[in-house]
Amino acid sequence: MAENRSTRSFKVMGGSRSFDVCGYVREMKETADKFALYVGCDSQNYRSYTVYATTVVFRYPSAGAHVIYRKEKVPRIEDMWTKLWGETERSVALAHMIREETGVQVAQIDLDFNTDPAYPSNRLLSASAGYIQSLGFQTGAKPGLLMAAWAADSLCH
């Protein structure tokens, strides 16, 4: 995925100010107590476009969490595989960028895919999880606790 200014511009959930995601992570690393980072992405089709919401959750032990995100609108993607693989690509690109530019390890990439074969997203779970794990990241999938995927889902709707 080619990087440009818009892929680095994030907002705090509930806020309106934009900022560079890696600068924000570095600032939190210097000023905040211990935290774990979770990255996730979800997508939603609308009439003529697809919205991707990519999130970073800062999880503080015994002290809650907060979310930063970016939303992206692209021409509608009809094919489920392509749309969901786009979620994987965005999550991996973000986690990799954070790790390389800030030295902060992402605790987990949340996949909004289901471990139950009855759900269509299950067909991508093995490929996505394998790809992510081959790059040195941990993954989580439904029905597990997926803070970043939950936040992304909330932002898509």
N, C-alpha and C. Protein backbone atom coordinates (compact mmCIF):
# COMPACT_ATOMS: atom_id res chain seq x y z
N MET A 1 0.86 -1.18 0.00
CA MET A 1 0.00 0.00 0.00
C MET A 1 0.90 1.24 0.00
N ALA A 2 0.71 2.09 -0.95
CA ALA A 2 1.51 3.31 -1.04
C ALA A 2 1.12 4.25 0.10
N GLU A 3 2.15 4.79 0.75
CA GLU A 3 1.89 5.69 1.87
C GLU A 3 1.76 7.12 1.35
N ASN A 4 0.80 7.82 1.87
CA ASN A 4 0.68 9.25 1.59
C ASN A 4 0.22 9.93 2.86
N ARG A 5 0.10 11.21 2.81
CA ARG A 5 -0.25 11.99 4.00
C ARG A 5 -1.56 11.51 4.62
N SER A 6 -2.55 11.14 3.79
CA SER A 6 -3.85 10.75 4.34
C SER A 6 -3.79 9.44 5.11
N THR A 7 -2.85 8.54 4.82
CA THR A 7 -2.77 7.29 5.57
C THR A 7 -2.17 7.51 6.94
N ARG A 8 -1.58 8.65 7.18
CA ARG A 8 -0.96 8.94 8.47
C ARG A 8 -1.83 9.84 9.32
N SER A 9 -2.89 10.39 8.76
CA SER A 9 -3.72 11.36 9.45
C SER A 9 -4.85 10.66 10.21
N PHE A 10 -4.77 10.68 11.53
CA PHE A 10 -5.74 10.02 12.39
C PHE A 10 -6.43 11.04 13.28
N LYS A 11 -7.54 10.62 13.92
CA LYS A 11 -8.28 11.44 14.87
C LYS A 11 -8.54 10.60 16.12
N VAL A 12 -8.77 11.28 17.25
CA VAL A 12 -9.19 10.59 18.46
C VAL A 12 -10.69 10.34 18.33
N MET A 13 -11.13 9.14 18.68
CA MET A 13 -12.55 8.82 18.61
C MET A 13 -13.31 9.81 19.47
N GLY A 14 -14.28 10.48 18.89
CA GLY A 14 -15.04 11.51 19.58
C GLY A 14 -14.45 12.90 19.42
N GLY A 15 -13.33 13.02 18.72
CA GLY A 15 -12.67 14.31 18.52
C GLY A 15 -12.65 14.69 17.05
N SER A 16 -12.07 15.85 16.75
CA SER A 16 -12.05 16.31 15.36
C SER A 16 -10.66 16.69 14.87
N ARG A 17 -9.70 16.84 15.77
CA ARG A 17 -8.35 17.25 15.38
C ARG A 17 -7.63 16.09 14.70
N SER A 18 -6.99 16.36 13.55
CA SER A 18 -6.19 15.35 12.85
C SER A 18 -4.74 15.46 13.27
N PHE A 19 -4.03 14.34 13.24
CA PHE A 19 -2.62 14.32 13.61
C PHE A 19 -1.95 13.12 12.97
N ASP A 20 -0.63 13.13 12.96
CA ASP A 20 0.15 12.03 12.44
C ASP A 20 0.12 10.87 13.44
N VAL A 21 -0.25 9.70 12.98
CA VAL A 21 -0.42 8.55 13.88
C VAL A 21 0.88 8.18 14.58
N CYS A 22 1.99 8.16 13.88
CA CYS A 22 3.26 7.78 14.51
C CYS A 22 3.73 8.83 15.50
N GLY A 23 3.52 10.10 15.19
CA GLY A 23 3.83 11.16 16.14
C GLY A 23 3.02 11.02 17.41
N TYR A 24 1.76 10.66 17.26
CA TYR A 24 0.88 10.47 18.41
C TYR A 24 1.34 9.29 19.27
N VAL A 25 1.69 8.18 18.62
CA VAL A 25 2.17 7.02 19.36
C VAL A 25 3.46 7.35 20.10
N ARG A 26 4.38 8.05 19.45
CA ARG A 26 5.62 8.45 20.11
C ARG A 26 5.35 9.34 21.32
N GLU A 27 4.41 10.28 21.16
CA GLU A 27 4.06 11.17 22.27
C GLU A 27 3.48 10.37 23.44
N MET A 28 2.61 9.42 23.13
CA MET A 28 2.02 8.59 24.19
C MET A 28 3.10 7.74 24.86
N LYS A 29 4.04 7.26 24.09
CA LYS A 29 5.13 6.44 24.63
C LYS A 29 5.96 7.25 25.65
N GLU A 30 6.14 8.53 25.38
CA GLU A 30 6.93 9.39 26.25
C GLU A 30 6.16 9.89 27.47
N THR A 31 4.86 10.08 27.34
CA THR A 31 4.11 10.74 28.40
C THR A 31 3.15 9.84 29.17
N ALA A 32 2.75 8.72 28.59
CA ALA A 32 1.73 7.89 29.23
C ALA A 32 2.35 6.76 30.03
N ASP A 33 1.56 6.23 30.94
CA ASP A 33 1.96 5.02 31.64
C ASP A 33 1.97 3.87 30.64
N LYS A 34 2.24 2.68 31.12
CA LYS A 34 2.27 1.51 30.25
C LYS A 34 0.94 1.36 29.49
N PHE A 35 1.06 0.92 28.25
CA PHE A 35 -0.13 0.63 27.46
C PHE A 35 0.20 -0.47 26.47
N ALA A 36 -0.84 -1.10 25.95
CA ALA A 36 -0.72 -2.07 24.87
C ALA A 36 -1.50 -1.52 23.68
N LEU A 37 -0.96 -1.71 22.48
CA LEU A 37 -1.62 -1.24 21.26
C LEU A 37 -2.31 -2.38 20.55
N TYR A 38 -3.51 -2.11 20.11
CA TYR A 38 -4.29 -3.04 19.29
C TYR A 38 -4.69 -2.31 18.02
N VAL A 39 -4.56 -2.97 16.89
CA VAL A 39 -4.90 -2.38 15.60
C VAL A 39 -6.01 -3.21 14.98
N GLY A 40 -6.94 -2.54 14.31
CA GLY A 40 -8.01 -3.25 13.63
C GLY A 40 -8.59 -2.42 12.51
N CYS A 41 -9.38 -3.07 11.68
CA CYS A 41 -10.03 -2.39 10.56
C CYS A 41 -11.35 -3.08 10.29
N ASP A 42 -12.33 -2.31 9.87
CA ASP A 42 -13.61 -2.86 9.44
C ASP A 42 -14.04 -2.07 8.22
N SER A 43 -14.95 -2.65 7.45
CA SER A 43 -15.45 -1.97 6.25
C SER A 43 -16.95 -2.14 6.16
N GLN A 44 -17.56 -1.22 5.46
CA GLN A 44 -19.01 -1.24 5.27
C GLN A 44 -19.33 -0.70 3.89
N ASN A 45 -20.16 -1.43 3.16
CA ASN A 45 -20.60 -0.96 1.84
C ASN A 45 -21.82 -0.07 1.98
N TYR A 46 -21.80 1.01 1.22
CA TYR A 46 -22.95 1.89 1.06
C TYR A 46 -23.31 1.90 -0.42
N ARG A 47 -24.20 2.75 -0.84
CA ARG A 47 -24.68 2.71 -2.23
C ARG A 47 -23.56 2.66 -3.26
N SER A 48 -22.72 3.69 -3.31
CA SER A 48 -21.70 3.76 -4.36
C SER A 48 -20.28 3.71 -3.83
N TYR A 49 -20.12 3.44 -2.54
CA TYR A 49 -18.78 3.45 -1.99
C TYR A 49 -18.66 2.47 -0.82
N THR A 50 -17.43 2.19 -0.46
CA THR A 50 -17.09 1.37 0.70
C THR A 50 -16.31 2.25 1.67
N VAL A 51 -16.64 2.17 2.94
CA VAL A 51 -15.92 2.91 3.98
C VAL A 51 -15.06 1.91 4.76
N TYR A 52 -13.78 2.25 4.90
CA TYR A 52 -12.87 1.52 5.78
C TYR A 52 -12.59 2.40 6.99
N ALA A 53 -12.70 1.83 8.17
CA ALA A 53 -12.29 2.51 9.40
C ALA A 53 -11.15 1.69 9.99
N THR A 54 -10.02 2.33 10.17
CA THR A 54 -8.83 1.68 10.74
C THR A 54 -8.57 2.30 12.10
N THR A 55 -8.36 1.47 13.11
CA THR A 55 -8.26 1.97 14.48
C THR A 55 -6.98 1.51 15.17
N VAL A 56 -6.57 2.33 16.13
CA VAL A 56 -5.52 1.97 17.08
C VAL A 56 -6.12 2.17 18.46
N VAL A 57 -6.09 1.13 19.27
CA VAL A 57 -6.59 1.22 20.64
C VAL A 57 -5.39 1.21 21.58
N PHE A 58 -5.34 2.21 22.44
CA PHE A 58 -4.35 2.28 23.52
C PHE A 58 -5.04 1.70 24.75
N ARG A 59 -4.61 0.53 25.18
CA ARG A 59 -5.22 -0.15 26.33
C ARG A 59 -4.29 -0.01 27.52
N TYR A 60 -4.79 0.64 28.57
CA TYR A 60 -4.04 0.88 29.79
C TYR A 60 -4.45 -0.14 30.83
N PRO A 61 -3.50 -0.90 31.40
CA PRO A 61 -3.86 -1.89 32.41
C PRO A 61 -4.63 -1.24 33.56
N SER A 62 -5.78 -1.76 33.86
CA SER A 62 -6.63 -1.30 34.97
C SER A 62 -7.05 0.16 34.85
N ALA A 63 -6.92 0.76 33.66
CA ALA A 63 -7.27 2.18 33.55
C ALA A 63 -8.01 2.50 32.26
N GLY A 64 -8.58 1.52 31.57
CA GLY A 64 -9.36 1.79 30.38
C GLY A 64 -8.56 1.86 29.10
N ALA A 65 -9.12 2.56 28.13
CA ALA A 65 -8.51 2.62 26.80
C ALA A 65 -8.99 3.87 26.08
N HIS A 66 -8.27 4.24 25.04
CA HIS A 66 -8.81 5.24 24.12
C HIS A 66 -8.41 4.86 22.69
N VAL A 67 -9.14 5.42 21.74
CA VAL A 67 -9.07 4.99 20.35
C VAL A 67 -8.71 6.16 19.46
N ILE A 68 -7.81 5.91 18.51
CA ILE A 68 -7.59 6.84 17.41
C ILE A 68 -7.94 6.10 16.13
N TYR A 69 -8.31 6.84 15.10
CA TYR A 69 -8.81 6.19 13.89
C TYR A 69 -8.62 7.06 12.66
N ARG A 70 -8.79 6.41 11.51
CA ARG A 70 -8.94 7.12 10.25
C ARG A 70 -10.01 6.41 9.45
N LYS A 71 -10.76 7.20 8.69
CA LYS A 71 -11.79 6.64 7.81
C LYS A 71 -11.38 6.94 6.37
N GLU A 72 -11.69 6.00 5.52
CA GLU A 72 -11.34 6.12 4.10
C GLU A 72 -12.55 5.68 3.28
N LYS A 73 -12.91 6.48 2.30
CA LYS A 73 -14.01 6.16 1.40
C LYS A 73 -13.41 5.81 0.04
N VAL A 74 -13.77 4.63 -0.47
CA VAL A 74 -13.28 4.17 -1.77
C VAL A 74 -14.49 3.75 -2.62
N PRO A 75 -14.30 3.64 -3.95
CA PRO A 75 -15.41 3.13 -4.76
C PRO A 75 -15.90 1.78 -4.22
N ARG A 76 -17.19 1.55 -4.32
CA ARG A 76 -17.80 0.35 -3.75
C ARG A 76 -17.09 -0.92 -4.21
N ILE A 77 -16.78 -1.79 -3.24
CA ILE A 77 -16.14 -3.07 -3.51
C ILE A 77 -17.19 -4.16 -3.29
N GLU A 78 -17.59 -4.81 -4.37
CA GLU A 78 -18.64 -5.82 -4.30
C GLU A 78 -18.12 -7.17 -3.81
N ASP A 79 -16.91 -7.53 -4.20
CA ASP A 79 -16.36 -8.83 -3.89
C ASP A 79 -15.94 -8.91 -2.41
N MET A 80 -16.53 -9.85 -1.67
CA MET A 80 -16.25 -9.95 -0.25
C MET A 80 -14.77 -10.20 0.04
N TRP A 81 -14.13 -11.08 -0.72
CA TRP A 81 -12.72 -11.40 -0.50
C TRP A 81 -11.88 -10.12 -0.62
N THR A 82 -12.09 -9.36 -1.68
CA THR A 82 -11.32 -8.13 -1.92
C THR A 82 -11.56 -7.12 -0.80
N LYS A 83 -12.81 -6.97 -0.41
CA LYS A 83 -13.14 -5.99 0.63
C LYS A 83 -12.51 -6.38 1.97
N LEU A 84 -12.63 -7.64 2.36
CA LEU A 84 -12.06 -8.07 3.63
C LEU A 84 -10.54 -8.13 3.60
N TRP A 85 -9.97 -8.49 2.46
CA TRP A 85 -8.51 -8.48 2.36
C TRP A 85 -8.00 -7.05 2.49
N GLY A 86 -8.79 -6.08 2.04
CA GLY A 86 -8.44 -4.67 2.23
C GLY A 86 -8.34 -4.32 3.70
N GLU A 87 -9.17 -4.93 4.54
CA GLU A 87 -9.09 -4.72 5.99
C GLU A 87 -7.76 -5.27 6.52
N THR A 88 -7.39 -6.44 6.06
CA THR A 88 -6.13 -7.06 6.48
C THR A 88 -4.95 -6.19 6.06
N GLU A 89 -4.94 -5.76 4.81
CA GLU A 89 -3.83 -4.94 4.31
C GLU A 89 -3.68 -3.64 5.08
N ARG A 90 -4.77 -2.98 5.37
CA ARG A 90 -4.71 -1.71 6.09
C ARG A 90 -4.20 -1.92 7.52
N SER A 91 -4.66 -2.97 8.17
CA SER A 91 -4.20 -3.27 9.53
C SER A 91 -2.71 -3.59 9.55
N VAL A 92 -2.27 -4.42 8.63
CA VAL A 92 -0.85 -4.80 8.58
C VAL A 92 0.02 -3.59 8.28
N ALA A 93 -0.38 -2.78 7.31
CA ALA A 93 0.42 -1.61 6.94
C ALA A 93 0.56 -0.66 8.13
N LEU A 94 -0.52 -0.46 8.86
CA LEU A 94 -0.49 0.43 10.02
C LEU A 94 0.38 -0.16 11.14
N ALA A 95 0.18 -1.43 11.46
CA ALA A 95 0.97 -2.06 12.53
C ALA A 95 2.46 -2.04 12.19
N HIS A 96 2.78 -2.32 10.94
CA HIS A 96 4.18 -2.31 10.50
C HIS A 96 4.77 -0.91 10.61
N MET A 97 4.03 0.10 10.16
CA MET A 97 4.50 1.47 10.22
C MET A 97 4.74 1.90 11.67
N ILE A 98 3.81 1.58 12.56
CA ILE A 98 3.96 1.92 13.98
C ILE A 98 5.21 1.26 14.55
N ARG A 99 5.38 -0.02 14.28
CA ARG A 99 6.53 -0.76 14.82
C ARG A 99 7.85 -0.19 14.30
N GLU A 100 7.91 0.09 13.00
CA GLU A 100 9.15 0.55 12.39
C GLU A 100 9.50 1.99 12.77
N GLU A 101 8.50 2.84 12.85
CA GLU A 101 8.76 4.27 13.07
C GLU A 101 8.76 4.70 14.54
N THR A 102 8.16 3.89 15.41
CA THR A 102 8.09 4.31 16.81
C THR A 102 8.78 3.34 17.76
N GLY A 103 9.04 2.14 17.30
CA GLY A 103 9.61 1.12 18.18
C GLY A 103 8.61 0.50 19.13
N VAL A 104 7.34 0.85 19.00
CA VAL A 104 6.28 0.29 19.84
C VAL A 104 5.72 -0.94 19.13
N GLN A 105 5.67 -2.04 19.83
CA GLN A 105 5.13 -3.29 19.27
C GLN A 105 3.62 -3.30 19.41
N VAL A 106 2.93 -3.67 18.36
CA VAL A 106 1.48 -3.84 18.41
C VAL A 106 1.19 -5.18 19.08
N ALA A 107 0.38 -5.16 20.14
CA ALA A 107 0.07 -6.37 20.89
C ALA A 107 -0.74 -7.36 20.06
N GLN A 108 -1.67 -6.82 19.24
CA GLN A 108 -2.53 -7.70 18.47
C GLN A 108 -3.17 -6.94 17.33
N ILE A 109 -3.32 -7.62 16.20
CA ILE A 109 -4.14 -7.11 15.10
C ILE A 109 -5.46 -7.86 15.18
N ASP A 110 -6.52 -7.10 15.39
CA ASP A 110 -7.86 -7.68 15.48
C ASP A 110 -8.45 -7.84 14.10
N LEU A 111 -8.89 -9.05 13.79
CA LEU A 111 -9.56 -9.32 12.53
C LEU A 111 -11.05 -9.43 12.78
N ASP A 112 -11.82 -8.71 12.01
CA ASP A 112 -13.27 -8.76 12.15
C ASP A 112 -13.81 -9.94 11.35
N PHE A 113 -13.18 -11.09 11.53
CA PHE A 113 -13.53 -12.33 10.86
C PHE A 113 -13.95 -13.33 11.94
N ASN A 114 -14.79 -14.27 11.56
CA ASN A 114 -15.34 -15.20 12.53
C ASN A 114 -14.67 -16.57 12.45
N THR A 115 -14.42 -17.17 13.60
CA THR A 115 -13.84 -18.52 13.64
C THR A 115 -14.88 -19.58 13.31
N ASP A 116 -16.16 -19.22 13.32
CA ASP A 116 -17.24 -20.15 13.01
C ASP A 116 -17.39 -20.27 11.50
N PRO A 117 -17.24 -21.48 10.93
CA PRO A 117 -17.35 -21.66 9.48
C PRO A 117 -18.72 -21.28 8.90
N ALA A 118 -19.72 -21.10 9.73
CA ALA A 118 -21.04 -20.70 9.25
C ALA A 118 -21.04 -19.27 8.71
N TYR A 119 -20.02 -18.47 9.08
CA TYR A 119 -19.95 -17.08 8.64
C TYR A 119 -19.03 -16.94 7.44
N PRO A 120 -19.44 -16.15 6.43
CA PRO A 120 -18.62 -16.01 5.21
C PRO A 120 -17.21 -15.50 5.46
N SER A 121 -17.01 -14.66 6.46
CA SER A 121 -15.67 -14.12 6.72
C SER A 121 -14.69 -15.20 7.14
N ASN A 122 -15.18 -16.35 7.60
CA ASN A 122 -14.31 -17.44 8.02
C ASN A 122 -13.41 -17.92 6.88
N ARG A 123 -13.87 -17.76 5.63
CA ARG A 123 -13.08 -18.22 4.48
C ARG A 123 -11.77 -17.46 4.34
N LEU A 124 -11.66 -16.26 4.91
CA LEU A 124 -10.43 -15.47 4.83
C LEU A 124 -9.57 -15.56 6.08
N LEU A 125 -10.11 -16.12 7.14
CA LEU A 125 -9.42 -16.11 8.42
C LEU A 125 -8.04 -16.77 8.36
N SER A 126 -7.97 -17.94 7.81
CA SER A 126 -6.69 -18.66 7.77
C SER A 126 -5.64 -17.89 6.98
N ALA A 127 -6.01 -17.38 5.82
CA ALA A 127 -5.05 -16.63 4.97
C ALA A 127 -4.61 -15.35 5.66
N SER A 128 -5.56 -14.61 6.22
CA SER A 128 -5.23 -13.34 6.88
C SER A 128 -4.39 -13.56 8.13
N ALA A 129 -4.81 -14.49 8.97
CA ALA A 129 -4.08 -14.75 10.21
C ALA A 129 -2.68 -15.27 9.91
N GLY A 130 -2.54 -16.14 8.93
CA GLY A 130 -1.23 -16.65 8.55
C GLY A 130 -0.30 -15.57 8.06
N TYR A 131 -0.84 -14.69 7.23
CA TYR A 131 -0.05 -13.57 6.70
C TYR A 131 0.42 -12.67 7.84
N ILE A 132 -0.49 -12.31 8.71
CA ILE A 132 -0.18 -11.42 9.83
C ILE A 132 0.85 -12.05 10.77
N GLN A 133 0.65 -13.31 11.09
CA GLN A 133 1.59 -13.99 11.99
C GLN A 133 2.96 -14.17 11.35
N SER A 134 3.02 -14.33 10.03
CA SER A 134 4.31 -14.48 9.35
C SER A 134 5.13 -13.19 9.44
N LEU A 135 4.46 -12.07 9.70
CA LEU A 135 5.14 -10.78 9.84
C LEU A 135 5.47 -10.46 11.30
N GLY A 136 5.19 -11.39 12.19
CA GLY A 136 5.57 -11.21 13.59
C GLY A 136 4.52 -10.56 14.47
N PHE A 137 3.28 -10.51 14.02
CA PHE A 137 2.20 -9.93 14.81
C PHE A 137 1.26 -11.03 15.30
N GLN A 138 0.63 -10.79 16.45
CA GLN A 138 -0.40 -11.68 16.97
C GLN A 138 -1.74 -11.27 16.36
N THR A 139 -2.67 -12.22 16.28
CA THR A 139 -3.99 -11.92 15.74
C THR A 139 -5.08 -12.38 16.71
N GLY A 140 -6.22 -11.77 16.55
CA GLY A 140 -7.42 -12.19 17.28
C GLY A 140 -8.59 -12.17 16.31
N ALA A 141 -9.58 -13.03 16.55
CA ALA A 141 -10.77 -13.10 15.69
C ALA A 141 -12.00 -13.35 16.56
N LYS A 142 -13.16 -13.15 15.96
CA LYS A 142 -14.42 -13.37 16.67
C LYS A 142 -14.52 -14.85 17.03
N PRO A 143 -15.07 -15.19 18.14
CA PRO A 143 -15.83 -14.37 19.07
C PRO A 143 -14.99 -13.77 20.19
N GLY A 144 -13.68 -13.73 20.06
CA GLY A 144 -12.83 -13.17 21.11
C GLY A 144 -13.06 -11.69 21.33
N LEU A 145 -12.46 -11.16 22.39
CA LEU A 145 -12.54 -9.73 22.69
C LEU A 145 -11.65 -8.98 21.72
N LEU A 146 -12.25 -8.17 20.87
CA LEU A 146 -11.53 -7.47 19.81
C LEU A 146 -11.81 -5.98 19.91
N MET A 147 -11.07 -5.30 20.76
CA MET A 147 -11.32 -3.88 21.00
C MET A 147 -11.18 -3.04 19.73
N ALA A 148 -10.12 -3.29 18.96
CA ALA A 148 -9.88 -2.47 17.77
C ALA A 148 -10.90 -2.76 16.67
N ALA A 149 -11.29 -4.02 16.52
CA ALA A 149 -12.31 -4.36 15.52
C ALA A 149 -13.67 -3.79 15.93
N TRP A 150 -13.99 -3.83 17.22
CA TRP A 150 -15.25 -3.26 17.71
C TRP A 150 -15.29 -1.76 17.42
N ALA A 151 -14.20 -1.08 17.72
CA ALA A 151 -14.16 0.37 17.50
C ALA A 151 -14.30 0.68 16.01
N ALA A 152 -13.62 -0.09 15.16
CA ALA A 152 -13.71 0.12 13.72
C ALA A 152 -15.13 -0.11 13.22
N ASP A 153 -15.77 -1.15 13.74
CA ASP A 153 -17.16 -1.43 13.36
C ASP A 153 -18.08 -0.28 13.75
N SER A 154 -17.88 0.26 14.94
CA SER A 154 -18.69 1.39 15.40
C SER A 154 -18.50 2.61 14.50
N LEU A 155 -17.29 2.83 14.05
CA LEU A 155 -16.99 3.99 13.21
C LEU A 155 -17.49 3.83 11.78
N CYS A 156 -17.65 2.60 11.32
CA CYS A 156 -18.14 2.37 9.95
C CYS A 156 -19.63 2.63 9.82
N HIS A 157 -20.35 2.46 10.90
CA HIS A 157 -21.82 2.55 10.83
C HIS A 157 -22.35 3.89 11.26
